[in-house]
Protein backbone atom coordinates (compact mmCIF):
# COMPACT_ATOMS: atom_id res chain seq x y z
CA UNK A 1 -36.88 5.18 14.51
CA UNK A 2 -39.76 6.81 12.71
CA UNK A 3 -40.25 5.74 9.15
CA UNK A 4 -38.92 8.35 6.71
CA UNK A 5 -41.39 10.13 4.49
CA UNK A 6 -40.72 10.02 0.77
CA UNK A 7 -38.66 13.01 -0.31
CA UNK A 8 -37.70 13.73 -3.90
CA UNK A 9 -34.03 14.44 -4.69
CA UNK A 10 -33.25 18.11 -4.11
CA UNK A 11 -36.19 18.62 -1.74
CA UNK A 12 -35.56 19.89 1.80
CA UNK A 13 -34.95 17.26 4.46
CA UNK A 14 -34.13 19.68 7.26
CA UNK A 15 -34.33 23.45 7.72
CA UNK A 16 -32.84 25.79 10.31
CA UNK A 17 -34.68 29.10 10.67
CA UNK A 18 -33.29 32.13 12.53
CA UNK A 19 -31.51 29.99 15.13
CA UNK A 20 -29.51 31.77 17.83
CA UNK A 21 -27.88 30.41 20.95
CA UNK A 22 -26.63 32.17 24.07
CA UNK A 23 -24.80 30.77 27.07
CA UNK A 24 -25.16 32.30 30.52
CA UNK A 25 -22.30 34.46 31.76
CA UNK A 26 -21.29 35.06 35.36
CA UNK A 27 -22.69 38.31 36.69
CA UNK A 28 -25.72 38.20 34.42
CA UNK A 29 -26.28 38.50 30.70
CA UNK A 30 -25.09 35.96 28.18
CA UNK A 31 -22.55 35.20 25.48
CA UNK A 32 -24.09 34.77 22.02
CA UNK A 33 -22.44 31.86 20.21
CA UNK A 34 -24.83 31.65 17.25
CA UNK A 35 -26.77 34.52 15.73
CA UNK A 36 -29.67 34.25 13.26
CA UNK A 37 -28.49 31.14 11.41
CA UNK A 38 -30.55 29.89 8.46
CA UNK A 39 -29.83 26.82 6.34
CA UNK A 40 -31.57 24.13 4.33
CA UNK A 41 -30.28 20.58 3.90
CA UNK A 42 -31.66 18.85 0.82
CA UNK A 43 -31.91 15.21 -0.14
CA UNK A 44 -28.86 13.89 -1.96
CA UNK A 45 -26.31 16.51 -0.85
CA UNK A 46 -23.34 16.82 1.46
CA UNK A 47 -23.17 20.22 3.11
CA UNK A 48 -20.13 21.44 5.01
CA UNK A 49 -20.12 23.88 7.91
CA UNK A 50 -16.70 25.49 7.66
CA UNK A 51 -15.23 27.92 10.15
CA UNK A 52 -12.66 28.53 12.83
CA UNK A 53 -12.84 27.12 16.32
CA UNK A 54 -15.42 29.01 18.36
CA UNK A 55 -17.65 29.92 15.43
CA UNK A 56 -20.54 27.82 16.76
CA UNK A 57 -20.48 25.02 14.16
CA UNK A 58 -20.57 22.17 16.67
CA UNK A 59 -23.18 24.00 18.75
CA UNK A 60 -25.42 24.21 15.67
CA UNK A 61 -24.92 20.50 14.97
CA UNK A 62 -26.00 19.65 18.52
CA UNK A 63 -29.06 21.88 18.18
CA UNK A 64 -29.99 20.07 14.96
CA UNK A 65 -29.51 16.69 16.64
CA UNK A 66 -31.71 17.83 19.52
CA UNK A 67 -28.92 17.53 22.09
CA UNK A 68 -29.25 21.25 22.83
CA UNK A 69 -32.09 23.75 22.52
CA UNK A 70 -31.71 27.03 20.61
CA UNK A 71 -32.26 30.28 22.50
CA UNK A 72 -34.47 31.35 19.60
CA UNK A 73 -35.43 30.05 16.16
CA UNK A 74 -36.62 26.67 14.90
CA UNK A 75 -35.33 23.42 13.40
CA UNK A 76 -37.74 21.68 11.03
CA UNK A 77 -37.26 18.03 10.02
CA UNK A 78 -39.35 16.61 7.19
CA UNK A 79 -41.89 19.40 7.59
CA UNK A 80 -42.30 19.21 11.38
CA UNK A 81 -40.73 21.55 13.92
CA UNK A 82 -38.52 19.72 16.40
CA UNK A 83 -39.10 20.05 20.13
CA UNK A 84 -36.66 17.31 21.14
CA UNK A 85 -34.14 14.88 19.60
CA UNK A 86 -34.25 14.51 15.82
CA UNK A 87 -35.13 10.86 15.36
CA UNK A 88 -34.03 10.94 11.74
CA UNK A 89 -30.46 12.00 12.52
CA UNK A 90 -27.41 10.10 13.74
CA UNK A 91 -24.13 11.65 14.78
CA UNK A 92 -20.44 10.80 14.40
CA UNK A 93 -18.20 12.65 16.84
CA UNK A 94 -14.60 13.84 16.70
CA UNK A 95 -13.66 11.52 19.54
CA UNK A 96 -14.43 7.85 19.02
CA UNK A 97 -16.80 7.69 22.04
CA UNK A 98 -16.86 3.89 22.18
CA UNK A 99 -17.63 1.77 25.22
CA UNK A 100 -14.25 0.16 26.02
CA UNK A 101 -15.86 -2.83 27.76
CA UNK A 102 -17.93 -3.75 24.67
CA UNK A 103 -16.75 -5.49 21.52
CA UNK A 104 -17.03 -3.89 18.09
CA UNK A 105 -20.29 -5.75 17.47
CA UNK A 106 -21.70 -4.82 20.87
CA UNK A 107 -20.77 -1.15 20.38
CA UNK A 108 -22.62 -1.08 17.07
CA UNK A 109 -25.65 -2.82 18.59
CA UNK A 110 -25.82 -0.39 21.53
CA UNK A 111 -27.93 2.18 19.69
CA UNK A 112 -30.38 -0.45 18.51
CA UNK A 113 -30.84 -1.77 22.05
CA UNK A 114 -31.82 1.72 23.14
CA UNK A 115 -34.47 1.66 20.40
CA UNK A 116 -35.78 -1.73 21.66
CA UNK A 117 -34.98 -3.46 18.36
CA UNK A 118 -35.45 -7.25 18.79
CA UNK A 119 -32.13 -9.07 19.41
CA UNK A 120 -32.18 -11.10 16.20
CA UNK A 121 -32.85 -8.03 14.03
CA UNK A 122 -30.33 -6.01 16.00
CA UNK A 123 -27.59 -8.57 15.39
CA UNK A 124 -28.41 -8.79 11.67
CA UNK A 125 -28.39 -5.00 11.19
CA UNK A 126 -25.19 -4.57 13.19
CA UNK A 127 -23.34 -7.22 11.18
CA UNK A 128 -24.52 -5.60 7.95
CA UNK A 129 -23.29 -2.16 9.07
CA UNK A 130 -19.94 -3.61 10.16
CA UNK A 131 -19.48 -5.29 6.80
CA UNK A 132 -20.53 -2.12 4.94
CA UNK A 133 -17.99 0.08 6.72
CA UNK A 134 -15.11 -2.38 6.21
CA UNK A 135 -14.81 -3.94 9.68
CA UNK A 136 -15.74 -7.51 8.79
CA UNK A 137 -13.56 -9.84 10.85
CA UNK A 138 -13.24 -7.47 13.81
CA UNK A 139 -16.67 -8.10 15.34
CA UNK A 140 -15.27 -9.66 18.53
CA UNK A 141 -12.38 -7.17 18.98
CA UNK A 142 -12.40 -4.61 21.77
CA UNK A 143 -11.63 -0.91 21.06
CA UNK A 144 -8.17 -1.23 22.68
CA UNK A 145 -7.26 -3.90 20.10
CA UNK A 146 -7.91 -1.82 17.00
CA UNK A 147 -6.40 1.33 15.47
CA UNK A 148 -7.81 4.84 15.65
CA UNK A 149 -9.08 4.59 12.10
CA UNK A 150 -10.89 1.36 12.85
CA UNK A 151 -12.38 2.82 16.05
CA UNK A 152 -13.79 5.69 13.99
CA UNK A 153 -15.21 3.17 11.52
CA UNK A 154 -17.04 1.64 14.48
CA UNK A 155 -18.42 5.11 15.18
CA UNK A 156 -19.68 5.33 11.59
CA UNK A 157 -21.20 1.83 11.75
CA UNK A 158 -22.95 2.68 15.03
CA UNK A 159 -24.46 5.79 13.40
CA UNK A 160 -25.48 4.04 10.20
CA UNK A 161 -27.03 0.97 11.86
CA UNK A 162 -30.03 3.04 13.03
CA UNK A 163 -30.73 3.84 9.34
CA UNK A 164 -30.90 7.62 9.74
CA UNK A 165 -32.12 10.09 7.17
CA UNK A 166 -29.33 12.54 8.00
CA UNK A 167 -25.76 11.79 9.05
CA UNK A 168 -24.31 14.56 11.23
CA UNK A 169 -20.50 14.55 11.40
CA UNK A 170 -18.58 16.71 13.88
CA UNK A 171 -14.98 16.84 12.60
CA UNK A 172 -14.92 13.03 12.34
CA UNK A 173 -11.48 12.85 10.70
CA UNK A 174 -9.57 15.42 12.74
CA UNK A 175 -8.33 12.96 15.41
CA UNK A 176 -6.84 10.65 12.77
CA UNK A 177 -3.45 10.71 11.08
CA UNK A 178 -3.36 12.13 7.55
CA UNK A 179 -3.31 8.81 5.65
CA UNK A 180 -5.99 7.15 7.77
CA UNK A 181 -8.25 10.17 7.48
CA UNK A 182 -7.81 10.23 3.70
CA UNK A 183 -8.69 6.55 3.39
CA UNK A 184 -11.80 6.92 5.52
CA UNK A 185 -12.98 10.00 3.59
CA UNK A 186 -12.50 8.22 0.27
CA UNK A 187 -14.29 5.07 1.43
CA UNK A 188 -17.21 7.09 2.78
CA UNK A 189 -17.56 9.05 -0.48
CA UNK A 190 -17.41 5.83 -2.49
CA UNK A 191 -20.23 4.30 -0.45
CA UNK A 192 -22.20 7.53 -0.78
CA UNK A 193 -21.67 7.69 -4.54
CA UNK A 194 -22.70 4.04 -4.96
CA UNK A 195 -25.89 4.69 -2.91
CA UNK A 196 -24.91 2.00 -0.41
CA UNK A 197 -25.52 4.18 2.64
CA UNK A 198 -29.00 4.29 4.21
CA UNK A 199 -28.86 8.08 4.51
CA UNK A 200 -30.34 10.86 2.37
CA UNK A 201 -28.10 13.79 3.38
CA UNK A 202 -24.86 14.55 5.22
CA UNK A 203 -24.02 17.61 7.30
CA UNK A 204 -20.30 17.88 8.02
CA UNK A 205 -18.63 20.23 10.51
CA UNK A 206 -15.00 20.90 9.63
CA UNK A 207 -12.26 23.50 9.95
CA UNK A 208 -10.27 21.93 7.10
CA UNK A 209 -10.81 23.88 3.87
CA UNK A 210 -9.39 21.21 1.58
CA UNK A 211 -11.53 18.54 3.25
CA UNK A 212 -14.65 20.65 2.71
CA UNK A 213 -13.89 21.20 -0.98
CA UNK A 214 -13.02 17.50 -1.42
CA UNK A 215 -16.22 16.16 0.15
CA UNK A 216 -19.04 18.70 -0.03
CA UNK A 217 -21.57 19.86 -2.61
CA UNK A 218 -22.07 23.13 -0.73
CA UNK A 219 -20.04 24.91 1.93
CA UNK A 220 -21.49 27.33 4.47
CA UNK A 221 -18.69 29.54 5.82
CA UNK A 222 -19.10 30.67 9.44
CA UNK A 223 -17.74 33.87 10.91
CA UNK A 224 -17.04 34.11 14.65
CA UNK A 225 -18.12 36.01 17.74
CA UNK A 226 -20.98 35.29 17.31
CA UNK A 227 -21.25 32.52 14.72
CA UNK A 228 -23.06 33.54 11.56
CA UNK A 229 -23.15 32.18 8.02
CA UNK A 230 -21.00 34.67 6.13
CA UNK A 231 -20.98 32.92 2.75
CA UNK A 232 -22.44 30.00 0.81
CA UNK A 233 -20.18 28.35 -1.76
CA UNK A 234 -21.30 25.85 -4.39
CA UNK A 235 -18.69 23.21 -5.27
CA UNK A 236 -19.00 22.47 -9.00
CA UNK A 237 -16.67 19.45 -9.25
CA UNK A 238 -18.07 15.93 -9.69
CA UNK A 239 -16.86 13.05 -7.53
CA UNK A 240 -14.25 11.60 -7.42
CA UNK A 241 -12.28 14.85 -7.11
CA UNK A 242 -8.65 15.46 -7.95
CA UNK A 243 -6.89 17.56 -5.30
CA UNK A 244 -4.11 18.43 -7.75
CA UNK A 245 -6.45 19.84 -10.38
CA UNK A 246 -5.69 23.59 -10.82
CA UNK A 247 -9.38 24.52 -10.50
CA UNK A 248 -9.61 22.56 -7.25
CA UNK A 249 -6.50 24.29 -5.89
CA UNK A 250 -7.84 27.69 -6.96
CA UNK A 251 -11.09 27.12 -5.07
CA UNK A 252 -9.13 26.15 -1.94
CA UNK A 253 -7.07 29.35 -2.35
CA UNK A 254 -10.21 31.45 -2.82
CA UNK A 255 -11.78 30.09 0.37
CA UNK A 256 -8.54 30.68 2.29
CA UNK A 257 -8.68 34.28 1.11
CA UNK A 258 -12.32 34.64 2.13
CA UNK A 259 -11.76 33.16 5.60
CA UNK A 260 -8.70 35.27 6.36
CA UNK A 261 -10.02 38.56 4.97
CA UNK A 262 -10.63 41.39 7.42
CA UNK A 263 -14.10 42.87 7.66
CA UNK A 264 -14.76 45.60 5.13
CA UNK A 265 -15.58 48.16 7.83
CA UNK A 266 -13.29 51.12 8.35
CA UNK A 267 -11.18 51.63 11.46
CA UNK A 268 -12.39 53.65 14.39
CA UNK A 269 -10.62 56.95 14.84
CA UNK A 270 -7.30 56.49 16.62
CA UNK A 271 -7.48 52.70 16.53
CA UNK A 272 -5.84 50.13 14.31
CA UNK A 273 -8.52 47.86 12.75
CA UNK A 274 -8.79 44.58 14.59
CA UNK A 275 -8.96 43.84 18.29
CA UNK A 276 -11.05 45.85 20.70
CA UNK A 277 -10.78 45.99 24.48
CA UNK A 278 -13.21 43.09 24.96
CA UNK A 279 -12.06 40.93 22.04
CA UNK A 280 -11.16 37.33 22.91
CA UNK A 281 -7.51 36.72 22.03
CA UNK A 282 -6.47 33.49 20.25
CA UNK A 283 -4.32 30.95 22.08
CA UNK A 284 -1.11 31.81 20.24
CA UNK A 285 2.36 32.01 21.77
CA UNK A 286 5.09 34.51 20.91
CA UNK A 287 7.19 31.57 19.68
CA UNK A 288 4.49 30.67 17.15
CA UNK A 289 4.24 34.31 16.02
CA UNK A 290 8.01 34.60 15.59
CA UNK A 291 8.24 31.19 13.93
CA UNK A 292 5.68 32.04 11.26
CA UNK A 293 7.33 35.39 10.51
CA UNK A 294 10.76 33.74 10.24
CA UNK A 295 9.46 30.98 7.95
CA UNK A 296 7.82 33.40 5.52
CA UNK A 297 10.84 35.74 5.57
CA UNK A 298 13.15 32.95 4.38
CA UNK A 299 13.50 31.65 0.79
CA UNK A 300 11.67 30.42 -1.17
CA UNK A 301 8.94 32.75 0.18
CA UNK A 302 11.08 35.83 0.87
CA UNK A 303 8.20 37.67 2.51
CA UNK A 304 5.23 36.35 0.53
CA UNK A 305 3.61 32.91 0.76
CA UNK A 306 0.50 31.15 -0.52
CA UNK A 307 -1.52 30.09 2.54
CA UNK A 308 -2.18 26.46 1.49
CA UNK A 309 1.50 26.11 0.55
CA UNK A 310 2.77 27.46 3.88
CA UNK A 311 0.22 25.26 5.67
CA UNK A 312 1.67 22.19 3.95
CA UNK A 313 5.27 23.31 4.54
CA UNK A 314 4.65 23.79 8.26
CA UNK A 315 2.56 20.59 8.45
CA UNK A 316 -0.14 22.55 10.24
CA UNK A 317 -3.87 22.20 9.75
CA UNK A 318 -6.12 25.20 9.24
CA UNK A 319 -7.26 25.03 12.87
CA UNK A 320 -3.65 25.45 14.05
CA UNK A 321 -2.52 27.96 11.42
CA UNK A 322 -5.49 30.37 11.27
CA UNK A 323 -5.16 31.69 14.85
CA UNK A 324 -1.46 32.43 14.29
CA UNK A 325 -2.20 34.18 11.00
CA UNK A 326 -4.94 36.20 12.70
CA UNK A 327 -2.59 37.43 15.43
CA UNK A 328 0.26 38.18 13.01
CA UNK A 329 -2.17 40.14 10.84
CA UNK A 330 -3.76 42.09 13.68
CA UNK A 331 -0.36 42.96 15.14
CA UNK A 332 0.54 44.57 11.82
CA UNK A 333 3.21 42.03 10.91
CA UNK A 334 1.42 40.81 7.79
CA UNK A 335 -1.25 41.64 5.21
CA UNK A 336 -3.50 39.08 3.57
CA UNK A 337 -4.62 39.35 -0.03
CA UNK A 338 -6.01 36.80 -2.45
CA UNK A 339 -5.03 33.82 -0.30
CA UNK A 340 -1.45 35.07 0.13
CA UNK A 341 0.24 36.32 3.29
CA UNK A 342 2.71 39.20 2.85
CA UNK A 343 5.07 40.37 5.56
CA UNK A 344 5.05 44.09 6.33
CA UNK A 345 8.30 46.09 6.62
CA UNK A 346 8.12 45.89 10.42
CA UNK A 347 7.84 42.08 10.20
CA UNK A 348 10.91 41.92 7.94
CA UNK A 349 12.80 44.08 10.46
CA UNK A 350 11.61 41.71 13.19
CA UNK A 351 12.85 38.65 11.28
CA UNK A 352 16.28 40.24 10.69
CA UNK A 353 16.66 41.74 14.18
CA UNK A 354 18.39 40.50 17.31
CA UNK A 355 16.46 39.65 20.47
CA UNK A 356 16.43 43.22 21.80
CA UNK A 357 15.21 44.61 18.46
CA UNK A 358 12.49 41.97 18.27
CA UNK A 359 11.22 42.78 21.74
CA UNK A 360 11.05 46.51 20.96
CA UNK A 361 9.21 45.94 17.70
CA UNK A 362 6.81 43.51 19.33
CA UNK A 363 6.12 45.99 22.14
CA UNK A 364 5.46 48.73 19.60
CA UNK A 365 2.98 46.60 17.65
CA UNK A 366 1.34 45.17 20.76
CA UNK A 367 0.62 48.57 22.29
CA UNK A 368 -0.66 49.92 18.96
CA UNK A 369 -2.82 46.93 18.02
CA UNK A 370 -4.12 45.25 21.19
CA UNK A 371 -6.21 47.69 23.26
CA UNK A 372 -6.18 45.39 26.29
CA UNK A 373 -2.37 45.47 26.45
CA UNK A 374 -2.33 49.25 26.03
CA UNK A 375 -5.02 49.61 28.70
CA UNK A 376 -3.07 47.56 31.25
CA UNK A 377 0.09 49.57 30.56
CA UNK A 378 -1.81 52.87 30.81
CA UNK A 379 -3.35 51.93 34.18
CA UNK A 380 0.07 50.93 35.53
CA UNK A 381 1.64 54.17 34.27
CA UNK A 382 -1.05 56.25 35.98
CA UNK A 383 -1.02 54.53 39.37
CA UNK A 384 1.41 55.97 41.97
CA UNK A 385 2.81 52.53 42.84
CA UNK A 386 2.61 51.28 39.23
CA UNK A 387 0.81 48.13 40.39
CA UNK A 388 -2.67 46.68 39.79
CA UNK A 389 -4.39 43.41 40.75
CA UNK A 390 -5.35 40.92 38.06
CA UNK A 391 -8.97 40.92 39.24
CA UNK A 392 -9.31 44.57 38.19
CA UNK A 393 -8.84 43.72 34.50
CA UNK A 394 -10.64 40.38 34.69
CA UNK A 395 -13.79 42.10 35.95
CA UNK A 396 -13.60 44.59 33.08
CA UNK A 397 -13.31 41.78 30.54
CA UNK A 398 -16.31 40.00 32.06
CA UNK A 399 -18.45 42.88 30.78
CA UNK A 400 -17.69 41.52 27.28
CA UNK A 401 -16.74 37.86 27.70
CA UNK A 402 -17.71 34.78 29.70
CA UNK A 403 -15.69 34.16 32.88
CA UNK A 404 -13.57 31.48 31.23
CA UNK A 405 -12.89 33.55 28.09
CA UNK A 406 -11.99 36.57 30.23
CA UNK A 407 -9.49 34.48 32.19
CA UNK A 408 -7.97 32.92 29.07
CA UNK A 409 -7.76 36.27 27.24
CA UNK A 410 -5.95 37.87 30.16
CA UNK A 411 -3.52 34.94 30.32
CA UNK A 412 -2.70 35.44 26.63
CA UNK A 413 -2.08 39.17 26.93
CA UNK A 414 0.13 38.47 29.95
CA UNK A 415 2.23 36.11 27.82
CA UNK A 416 2.58 38.70 25.05
CA UNK A 417 3.19 41.60 27.46
CA UNK A 418 5.92 39.75 29.34
CA UNK A 419 7.73 38.96 26.09
CA UNK A 420 7.48 42.59 25.02
CA UNK A 421 8.48 43.72 28.52
CA UNK A 422 5.73 46.35 28.64
CA UNK A 423 4.73 45.12 32.09
CA UNK A 424 5.60 42.44 34.66
CA UNK A 425 3.22 39.96 36.25
CA UNK A 426 3.58 38.03 39.51
CA UNK A 427 1.55 34.84 39.31
CA UNK A 428 1.65 34.17 43.07
CA UNK A 429 0.17 37.53 44.06
CA UNK A 430 -1.73 37.88 40.75
CA UNK A 431 -0.44 41.41 40.37
CA UNK A 432 0.69 43.49 37.38
CA UNK A 433 3.54 45.96 37.84
CA UNK A 434 6.18 48.03 36.06
CA UNK A 435 9.07 46.51 37.97
CA UNK A 436 11.14 45.47 34.99
CA UNK A 437 9.53 46.60 31.72
CA UNK A 438 11.54 48.43 29.09
CA UNK A 439 8.65 49.58 26.87
């Protein structure tokens, strides 16, 4: 580990300048995951990267760590542009990523061995990190013998033992149960506030709005397809923070509203704002769509619900709830305003209707709001035999999406189209048809 240069509080530790990242796509071209991202991480602050799945947050973290190269742009650490791994950064992953055949102590020492730290010093530093993170007494335990929360503490100790300048965290609490995650967050913030950690800055990737407001000094909100920083939010509350404070709750509500707002651009002529032919479709089932509409239609919401409240009531995290909200909104079943979700008249009719009524309403909204579904139906209507192979539509989608996204998007529209009965699909022959639709 290179010795850290002296940096005054508030001075930049790391900068990202005009970073973009593309991944190759079958048939040529590429899919842009990150586009022109700029950020500065200063000494003494915790910065959160907040956004939905697929917005490029984790990709950016790996670029900063040096695990991946940007397609364009630069990462500068302590005044020097990086051309490889950032030696001043350590990373904590979502999964525990421990060696199951090593004890807690040996797992923590592993990073120091790679740095050729002498055995005596390595053992001393590892024991100190274990004690700091609250694992004293478990040095000889194997990962299988300890809980998920303790395994993640090992991950933190392994990152901290190398005495990094920057701690990079990629959704480190998302694999834990609610109480364990809360305890680990609180303990980490306490150590940070007491200046007991050997780090100068923290960069946290999360999709959990409340977690970001609870932990961070600044939040950078990412939009998707491709990932860009759409907003920077300063968090004015001192630590420790009270989640029940009305100003805290209002900030959470405001960020919900910002992240669920539609773009301010007007609709194209003849098209409902939202999905286009090549838009990737979220992995949301018709049961989830119907379930959310039913829940909001019932008392005490009666058609209007506060997003954080409905999230708590459904016991769903933002990562689970946002894709469902997006689909419900784009299908015209709901409007979003000021952090609230309001059912439209067609959604209320859907909630009150029988199965046949629901299918007809869903078909109506699907054909009006999802161009891919309307395109498939139109092709089938125009063909003499009313049949078309799956590959025909997959190849069209590959002009916009990677091969895997094209396949997944087509699978999702098949699920929705079958429910709406606007077309049939035979999985064995991979063929669309109009054999039994009613739309």
